[in-house]
Amino acid sequence: MPEPGSRGNQSIGLGWVSRILGGIRKRGSIFFAVWMPGRLKAPGPWLLSRVSGVTAFVALALDVIIGLAVSTRLANRVLGKGVGVELHRWLSPLALALVLGHALLLLGDGYIHFDALAVIVPFASPYRPVAVGIGVLAAYLALVVHGSFALRKRIGAATWRRLHYLSFVALVGAAAHALLAGSDNTALRAFYAVPLVIVAALTVYRLAASVAADRGGCRPVPTTDARLTRED
């Protein structure tokens, strides 16, 4: 059963998701129109796949950033109690859906001729196999982290928390994939670096807070908010 007030928090969270996605779509359209005028003549599936890939990276980065903000309780101060949790819950499946769209659109590209094997099996791509393989592995890691929510009671809280560290590897892998596989990485390099810097800063903050709590003799129990792990 949902907790009292969870419906309200969910509505607020959905509102934030809508605003974020609306901003991504609007700014993404402007970016590709300004920075990629020559590539707008590229095959439709290829261009759409690039757009969905960039958006998937943004969703994944926001998911990791908000997850860290929730675990350090910064989300409650900035977004309000419960909003960060709902955003974290929605961004995870959203990122996976965008990754799936990214892969499916590549199957329709008539230039490189991706097949199902190329987008499912790491390093089997005819186009930049290492770069694409890293992206495939990053997608699988993100899927493992998302799937761990449903298995939390079976695998235990400690294992569940350890699996969450894979989200950092998935984000770095997704950035490496974008920079190495993309044909426009010069223009996007700073764009991909920004969320990585934010994640690094939040990680340092979390570690520093943990060390400070240890020295004070009142270390808090690691948490990502109980609502993240409740049964729906």
C-alpha atoms as a PDB file:
ATOM      1  CA  MET A   1       0.000   0.000   0.000  1.00  0.00           C
ATOM      2  CA  PRO A   2       1.314   3.487  -0.794  1.00  0.00           C
ATOM      3  CA  GLU A   3       2.308   5.661   2.145  1.00  0.00           C
ATOM      4  CA  PRO A   4       0.159   8.698   3.040  1.00  0.00           C
ATOM      5  CA  GLY A   5       1.106  11.592   0.850  1.00  0.00           C
ATOM      6  CA  SER A   6       2.868   9.405  -1.714  1.00  0.00           C
ATOM      7  CA  ARG A   7       0.322  10.267  -4.391  1.00  0.00           C
ATOM      8  CA  GLY A   8       1.042  13.950  -3.885  1.00  0.00           C
ATOM      9  CA  ASN A   9       4.788  13.370  -4.023  1.00  0.00           C
ATOM     10  CA  GLN A  10       4.359  11.287  -7.159  1.00  0.00           C
ATOM     11  CA  SER A  11       2.412  14.091  -8.842  1.00  0.00           C
ATOM     12  CA  ILE A  12       5.107  16.584  -7.902  1.00  0.00           C
ATOM     13  CA  GLY A  13       7.774  14.181  -9.161  1.00  0.00           C
ATOM     14  CA  LEU A  14       5.970  13.713 -12.467  1.00  0.00           C
ATOM     15  CA  GLY A  15       5.741  17.478 -12.810  1.00  0.00           C
ATOM     16  CA  TRP A  16       9.507  17.769 -12.382  1.00  0.00           C
ATOM     17  CA  VAL A  17      10.053  14.958 -14.898  1.00  0.00           C
ATOM     18  CA  SER A  18       7.833  16.737 -17.425  1.00  0.00           C
ATOM     19  CA  ARG A  19       9.720  20.001 -16.967  1.00  0.00           C
ATOM     20  CA  ILE A  20      13.094  18.293 -17.292  1.00  0.00           C
ATOM     21  CA  LEU A  21      12.106  16.370 -20.415  1.00  0.00           C
ATOM     22  CA  GLY A  22      10.494  19.446 -21.928  1.00  0.00           C
ATOM     23  CA  GLY A  23      13.711  21.393 -21.387  1.00  0.00           C
ATOM     24  CA  ILE A  24      15.813  18.564 -22.834  1.00  0.00           C
ATOM     25  CA  ARG A  25      13.620  18.331 -25.915  1.00  0.00           C
ATOM     26  CA  LYS A  26      13.564  22.092 -26.514  1.00  0.00           C
ATOM     27  CA  ARG A  27      17.288  22.648 -25.930  1.00  0.00           C
ATOM     28  CA  GLY A  28      18.180  19.444 -27.722  1.00  0.00           C
ATOM     29  CA  SER A  29      16.339  20.578 -30.838  1.00  0.00           C
ATOM     30  CA  ILE A  30      18.114  23.938 -30.757  1.00  0.00           C
ATOM     31  CA  PHE A  31      21.489  22.262 -30.177  1.00  0.00           C
ATOM     32  CA  PHE A  32      21.187  19.879 -33.103  1.00  0.00           C
ATOM     33  CA  ALA A  33      19.895  22.622 -35.376  1.00  0.00           C
ATOM     34  CA  VAL A  34      22.817  24.930 -34.522  1.00  0.00           C
ATOM     35  CA  TRP A  35      25.719  22.492 -34.112  1.00  0.00           C
ATOM     36  CA  MET A  36      24.776  19.860 -36.701  1.00  0.00           C
ATOM     37  CA  PRO A  37      23.501  21.648 -39.820  1.00  0.00           C
ATOM     38  CA  GLY A  38      25.459  19.308 -42.089  1.00  0.00           C
ATOM     39  CA  ARG A  39      24.304  16.219 -40.247  1.00  0.00           C
ATOM     40  CA  LEU A  40      20.652  17.151 -40.613  1.00  0.00           C
ATOM     41  CA  LYS A  41      21.048  15.751 -44.136  1.00  0.00           C
ATOM     42  CA  ALA A  42      22.051  12.383 -42.655  1.00  0.00           C
ATOM     43  CA  PRO A  43      19.679   9.388 -42.810  1.00  0.00           C
ATOM     44  CA  GLY A  44      16.658   9.869 -40.541  1.00  0.00           C
ATOM     45  CA  PRO A  45      17.144   6.762 -38.354  1.00  0.00           C
ATOM     46  CA  TRP A  46      20.802   7.654 -37.733  1.00  0.00           C
ATOM     47  CA  LEU A  47      19.990  11.230 -36.699  1.00  0.00           C
ATOM     48  CA  LEU A  48      17.053  10.170 -34.532  1.00  0.00           C
ATOM     49  CA  SER A  49      19.201   7.514 -32.909  1.00  0.00           C
ATOM     50  CA  ARG A  50      21.820  10.157 -32.029  1.00  0.00           C
ATOM     51  CA  VAL A  51      19.143  12.392 -30.492  1.00  0.00           C
ATOM     52  CA  SER A  52      17.656   9.523 -28.479  1.00  0.00           C
ATOM     53  CA  GLY A  53      21.150   8.472 -27.379  1.00  0.00           C
ATOM     54  CA  VAL A  54      22.015  11.944 -26.081  1.00  0.00           C
ATOM     55  CA  THR A  55      18.650  12.156 -24.301  1.00  0.00           C
ATOM     56  CA  ALA A  56      19.201   8.706 -22.777  1.00  0.00           C
ATOM     57  CA  PHE A  57      22.560   9.882 -21.432  1.00  0.00           C
ATOM     58  CA  VAL A  58      20.918  12.945 -19.884  1.00  0.00           C
ATOM     59  CA  ALA A  59      18.219  10.793 -18.257  1.00  0.00           C
ATOM     60  CA  LEU A  60      20.819   8.349 -16.904  1.00  0.00           C
ATOM     61  CA  ALA A  61      23.000  11.192 -15.601  1.00  0.00           C
ATOM     62  CA  LEU A  62      20.022  12.839 -13.885  1.00  0.00           C
ATOM     63  CA  ASP A  63      19.068   9.489 -12.374  1.00  0.00           C
ATOM     64  CA  VAL A  64      22.538   9.039 -10.844  1.00  0.00           C
ATOM     65  CA  ILE A  65      22.764  12.677  -9.721  1.00  0.00           C
ATOM     66  CA  ILE A  66      19.346  12.624  -8.059  1.00  0.00           C
ATOM     67  CA  GLY A  67      20.107   9.231  -6.509  1.00  0.00           C
ATOM     68  CA  LEU A  68      23.211  10.731  -4.899  1.00  0.00           C
ATOM     69  CA  ALA A  69      21.255  13.796  -3.829  1.00  0.00           C
ATOM     70  CA  VAL A  70      18.664  11.542  -2.173  1.00  0.00           C
ATOM     71  CA  SER A  71      21.327   9.488  -0.374  1.00  0.00           C
ATOM     72  CA  THR A  72      22.981  12.653   0.977  1.00  0.00           C
ATOM     73  CA  ARG A  73      19.574  14.203   1.780  1.00  0.00           C
ATOM     74  CA  LEU A  74      20.372  17.189  -0.430  1.00  0.00           C
ATOM     75  CA  ALA A  75      17.316  16.346  -2.531  1.00  0.00           C
ATOM     76  CA  ASN A  76      15.001  17.052   0.400  1.00  0.00           C
ATOM     77  CA  ARG A  77      16.520  20.511   0.829  1.00  0.00           C
ATOM     78  CA  VAL A  78      16.523  21.430  -2.863  1.00  0.00           C
ATOM     79  CA  LEU A  79      13.444  19.671  -4.260  1.00  0.00           C
ATOM     80  CA  GLY A  80      11.346  19.018  -1.182  1.00  0.00           C
ATOM     81  CA  LYS A  81      10.765  15.843   0.784  1.00  0.00           C
ATOM     82  CA  GLY A  82       9.909  12.851  -1.395  1.00  0.00           C
ATOM     83  CA  VAL A  83      10.265  14.630  -4.744  1.00  0.00           C
ATOM     84  CA  GLY A  84      13.803  13.390  -5.341  1.00  0.00           C
ATOM     85  CA  VAL A  85      12.729   9.818  -4.629  1.00  0.00           C
ATOM     86  CA  GLU A  86       9.900   9.963  -7.166  1.00  0.00           C
ATOM     87  CA  LEU A  87      12.190  11.500  -9.781  1.00  0.00           C
ATOM     88  CA  HIS A  88      14.751   8.756  -9.164  1.00  0.00           C
ATOM     89  CA  ARG A  89      12.072   6.092  -9.594  1.00  0.00           C
ATOM     90  CA  TRP A  90      10.839   7.561 -12.887  1.00  0.00           C
ATOM     91  CA  LEU A  91      14.173   8.409 -14.484  1.00  0.00           C
ATOM     92  CA  SER A  92      15.542   4.860 -14.269  1.00  0.00           C
ATOM     93  CA  PRO A  93      12.940   3.207 -16.568  1.00  0.00           C
ATOM     94  CA  LEU A  94      12.875   6.325 -18.729  1.00  0.00           C
ATOM     95  CA  ALA A  95      16.618   6.074 -19.392  1.00  0.00           C
ATOM     96  CA  LEU A  96      16.271   2.384 -20.287  1.00  0.00           C
ATOM     97  CA  ALA A  97      13.367   3.120 -22.638  1.00  0.00           C
ATOM     98  CA  LEU A  98      15.424   5.778 -24.421  1.00  0.00           C
ATOM     99  CA  VAL A  99      18.378   3.378 -24.700  1.00  0.00           C
ATOM    100  CA  LEU A 100      16.056   0.799 -26.272  1.00  0.00           C
ATOM    101  CA  GLY A 101      14.799   3.420 -28.723  1.00  0.00           C
ATOM    102  CA  HIS A 102      18.403   4.373 -29.490  1.00  0.00           C
ATOM    103  CA  ALA A 103      19.222   0.752 -30.382  1.00  0.00           C
ATOM    104  CA  LEU A 104      16.038   0.080 -32.375  1.00  0.00           C
ATOM    105  CA  LEU A 105      16.508   3.197 -34.479  1.00  0.00           C
ATOM    106  CA  LEU A 106      19.992   2.008 -35.423  1.00  0.00           C
ATOM    107  CA  LEU A 107      18.423  -1.119 -36.924  1.00  0.00           C
ATOM    108  CA  GLY A 108      16.675   1.127 -39.430  1.00  0.00           C
ATOM    109  CA  ASP A 109      19.871   2.849 -40.564  1.00  0.00           C
ATOM    110  CA  GLY A 110      20.668   1.979 -44.166  1.00  0.00           C
ATOM    111  CA  TYR A 111      24.249   3.278 -44.171  1.00  0.00           C
ATOM    112  CA  ILE A 112      26.093   1.151 -41.622  1.00  0.00           C
ATOM    113  CA  HIS A 113      23.536  -1.680 -41.613  1.00  0.00           C
ATOM    114  CA  PHE A 114      23.352  -2.544 -37.932  1.00  0.00           C
ATOM    115  CA  ASP A 115      21.698  -5.853 -37.159  1.00  0.00           C
ATOM    116  CA  ALA A 116      20.225  -7.215 -33.927  1.00  0.00           C
ATOM    117  CA  LEU A 117      23.484  -8.942 -33.038  1.00  0.00           C
ATOM    118  CA  ALA A 118      25.398  -5.664 -33.283  1.00  0.00           C
ATOM    119  CA  VAL A 119      23.176  -3.872 -30.776  1.00  0.00           C
ATOM    120  CA  ILE A 120      22.777  -6.808 -28.359  1.00  0.00           C
ATOM    121  CA  VAL A 121      26.209  -8.470 -28.260  1.00  0.00           C
ATOM    122  CA  PRO A 122      29.101  -6.303 -27.005  1.00  0.00           C
ATOM    123  CA  PHE A 123      31.869  -5.624 -29.554  1.00  0.00           C
ATOM    124  CA  ALA A 124      29.944  -7.286 -32.430  1.00  0.00           C
ATOM    125  CA  SER A 125      29.196  -3.997 -34.202  1.00  0.00           C
ATOM    126  CA  PRO A 126      30.619  -3.360 -37.672  1.00  0.00           C
ATOM    127  CA  TYR A 127      30.984   0.310 -36.722  1.00  0.00           C
ATOM    128  CA  ARG A 128      33.593   1.183 -34.061  1.00  0.00           C
ATOM    129  CA  PRO A 129      33.106  -2.157 -32.238  1.00  0.00           C
ATOM    130  CA  VAL A 130      34.947  -1.167 -29.040  1.00  0.00           C
ATOM    131  CA  ALA A 131      33.040   2.099 -28.631  1.00  0.00           C
ATOM    132  CA  VAL A 132      29.672   0.510 -29.392  1.00  0.00           C
ATOM    133  CA  GLY A 133      30.528  -2.486 -27.187  1.00  0.00           C
ATOM    134  CA  ILE A 134      31.164  -0.184 -24.226  1.00  0.00           C
ATOM    135  CA  GLY A 135      27.739   1.338 -24.798  1.00  0.00           C
ATOM    136  CA  VAL A 136      26.069  -2.089 -24.879  1.00  0.00           C
ATOM    137  CA  LEU A 137      27.781  -3.066 -21.617  1.00  0.00           C
ATOM    138  CA  ALA A 138      26.765   0.243 -20.014  1.00  0.00           C
ATOM    139  CA  ALA A 139      23.141  -0.431 -21.003  1.00  0.00           C
ATOM    140  CA  TYR A 140      23.271  -3.886 -19.418  1.00  0.00           C
ATOM    141  CA  LEU A 141      24.716  -2.445 -16.209  1.00  0.00           C
ATOM    142  CA  ALA A 142      21.915   0.136 -16.058  1.00  0.00           C
ATOM    143  CA  LEU A 143      19.409  -2.679 -16.569  1.00  0.00           C
ATOM    144  CA  VAL A 144      20.961  -4.689 -13.705  1.00  0.00           C
ATOM    145  CA  VAL A 145      20.724  -1.697 -11.353  1.00  0.00           C
ATOM    146  CA  HIS A 146      17.098  -1.079 -12.311  1.00  0.00           C
ATOM    147  CA  GLY A 147      16.193  -4.762 -11.981  1.00  0.00           C
ATOM    148  CA  SER A 148      17.764  -4.932  -8.521  1.00  0.00           C
ATOM    149  CA  PHE A 149      14.839  -2.940  -7.095  1.00  0.00           C
ATOM    150  CA  ALA A 150      12.474  -5.854  -7.693  1.00  0.00           C
ATOM    151  CA  LEU A 151      14.962  -8.318  -6.175  1.00  0.00           C
ATOM    152  CA  ARG A 152      15.937  -6.314  -3.108  1.00  0.00           C
ATOM    153  CA  LYS A 153      14.162  -8.549  -0.595  1.00  0.00           C
ATOM    154  CA  ARG A 154      15.639 -11.659  -2.167  1.00  0.00           C
ATOM    155  CA  ILE A 155      19.253 -10.468  -2.464  1.00  0.00           C
ATOM    156  CA  GLY A 156      19.313  -8.398   0.735  1.00  0.00           C
ATOM    157  CA  ALA A 157      19.837  -4.698   1.363  1.00  0.00           C
ATOM    158  CA  ALA A 158      23.649  -4.940   1.488  1.00  0.00           C
ATOM    159  CA  THR A 159      23.925  -6.624  -1.925  1.00  0.00           C
ATOM    160  CA  TRP A 160      21.329  -4.236  -3.318  1.00  0.00           C
ATOM    161  CA  ARG A 161      23.412  -1.240  -2.234  1.00  0.00           C
ATOM    162  CA  ARG A 162      26.566  -2.756  -3.735  1.00  0.00           C
ATOM    163  CA  LEU A 163      24.787  -3.287  -7.047  1.00  0.00           C
ATOM    164  CA  HIS A 164      23.893   0.393  -7.049  1.00  0.00           C
ATOM    165  CA  TYR A 165      27.570   1.270  -7.416  1.00  0.00           C
ATOM    166  CA  LEU A 166      27.302  -0.173 -10.932  1.00  0.00           C
ATOM    167  CA  SER A 167      25.294   2.917 -11.872  1.00  0.00           C
ATOM    168  CA  PHE A 168      28.526   4.943 -11.695  1.00  0.00           C
ATOM    169  CA  VAL A 169      30.225   2.484 -14.056  1.00  0.00           C
ATOM    170  CA  ALA A 170      27.205   2.600 -16.368  1.00  0.00           C
ATOM    171  CA  LEU A 171      27.311   6.411 -16.515  1.00  0.00           C
ATOM    172  CA  VAL A 172      31.049   6.541 -17.231  1.00  0.00           C
ATOM    173  CA  GLY A 173      30.617   3.802 -19.838  1.00  0.00           C
ATOM    174  CA  ALA A 174      27.763   5.697 -21.470  1.00  0.00           C
ATOM    175  CA  ALA A 175      29.907   8.851 -21.648  1.00  0.00           C
ATOM    176  CA  ALA A 176      32.838   6.882 -23.121  1.00  0.00           C
ATOM    177  CA  HIS A 177      30.500   5.302 -25.672  1.00  0.00           C
ATOM    178  CA  ALA A 178      29.116   8.682 -26.686  1.00  0.00           C
ATOM    179  CA  LEU A 179      32.551  10.264 -27.061  1.00  0.00           C
ATOM    180  CA  LEU A 180      34.137   7.339 -28.896  1.00  0.00           C
ATOM    181  CA  ALA A 181      31.224   6.263 -31.078  1.00  0.00           C
ATOM    182  CA  GLY A 182      29.715   9.650 -31.855  1.00  0.00           C
ATOM    183  CA  SER A 183      30.620  11.504 -35.020  1.00  0.00           C
ATOM    184  CA  ASP A 184      30.259  14.915 -33.354  1.00  0.00           C
ATOM    185  CA  ASN A 185      32.095  14.389 -30.077  1.00  0.00           C
ATOM    186  CA  THR A 186      34.065  17.647 -30.284  1.00  0.00           C
ATOM    187  CA  ALA A 187      30.916  19.741 -29.879  1.00  0.00           C
ATOM    188  CA  LEU A 188      29.480  17.458 -27.180  1.00  0.00           C
ATOM    189  CA  ARG A 189      32.607  16.796 -25.096  1.00  0.00           C
ATOM    190  CA  ALA A 190      31.870  19.546 -22.557  1.00  0.00           C
ATOM    191  CA  PHE A 191      28.199  18.555 -22.530  1.00  0.00           C
ATOM    192  CA  TYR A 192      29.081  14.991 -21.455  1.00  0.00           C
ATOM    193  CA  ALA A 193      31.691  16.176 -18.956  1.00  0.00           C
ATOM    194  CA  VAL A 194      29.345  18.377 -16.915  1.00  0.00           C
ATOM    195  CA  PRO A 195      27.227  15.602 -15.328  1.00  0.00           C
ATOM    196  CA  LEU A 196      30.370  13.543 -14.642  1.00  0.00           C
ATOM    197  CA  VAL A 197      31.837  16.484 -12.707  1.00  0.00           C
ATOM    198  CA  ILE A 198      28.585  16.884 -10.753  1.00  0.00           C
ATOM    199  CA  VAL A 199      28.532  13.160  -9.905  1.00  0.00           C
ATOM    200  CA  ALA A 200      32.169  13.319  -8.779  1.00  0.00           C
ATOM    201  CA  ALA A 201      31.444  16.354  -6.587  1.00  0.00           C
ATOM    202  CA  LEU A 202      28.401  14.713  -4.974  1.00  0.00           C
ATOM    203  CA  THR A 203      30.392  11.523  -4.365  1.00  0.00           C
ATOM    204  CA  VAL A 204      33.148  13.480  -2.622  1.00  0.00           C
ATOM    205  CA  TYR A 205      30.511  15.299  -0.555  1.00  0.00           C
ATOM    206  CA  ARG A 206      28.924  11.997   0.469  1.00  0.00           C
ATOM    207  CA  LEU A 207      32.278  10.498   1.459  1.00  0.00           C
ATOM    208  CA  ALA A 208      33.243  13.632   3.389  1.00  0.00           C
ATOM    209  CA  ALA A 209      29.915  13.603   5.252  1.00  0.00           C
ATOM    210  CA  SER A 210      30.413   9.939   6.103  1.00  0.00           C
ATOM    211  CA  VAL A 211      33.945  10.551   7.426  1.00  0.00           C
ATOM    212  CA  ALA A 212      32.757  13.531   9.464  1.00  0.00           C
ATOM    213  CA  ALA A 213      29.940  11.450  10.960  1.00  0.00           C
ATOM    214  CA  ASP A 214      32.401   8.671  11.837  1.00  0.00           C
ATOM    215  CA  ARG A 215      34.660  11.101  13.676  1.00  0.00           C
ATOM    216  CA  GLY A 216      31.678  12.481  15.521  1.00  0.00           C
ATOM    217  CA  GLY A 217      30.678   8.990  16.594  1.00  0.00           C
ATOM    218  CA  CYS A 218      27.193   9.227  15.101  1.00  0.00           C
ATOM    219  CA  ARG A 219      27.486   7.815  11.617  1.00  0.00           C
ATOM    220  CA  PRO A 220      24.083   7.776   9.894  1.00  0.00           C
ATOM    221  CA  VAL A 221      22.747   4.578   8.381  1.00  0.00           C
ATOM    222  CA  PRO A 222      23.202   4.660   4.577  1.00  0.00           C
ATOM    223  CA  THR A 223      19.853   5.297   2.972  1.00  0.00           C
ATOM    224  CA  THR A 224      18.204   6.025  -0.313  1.00  0.00           C
ATOM    225  CA  ASP A 225      14.844   6.667   1.385  1.00  0.00           C
ATOM    226  CA  ALA A 226      12.555   3.812   2.333  1.00  0.00           C
ATOM    227  CA  ARG A 227      10.092   4.736  -0.395  1.00  0.00           C
ATOM    228  CA  LEU A 228      12.633   3.657  -3.005  1.00  0.00           C
ATOM    229  CA  THR A 229      12.445   0.090  -1.774  1.00  0.00           C
ATOM    230  CA  ARG A 230       8.829  -0.320  -0.787  1.00  0.00           C
ATOM    231  CA  GLU A 231       6.580  -2.765  -2.548  1.00  0.00           C
ATOM    232  CA  ASP A 232       4.079  -1.034  -4.857  1.00  0.00           C
END
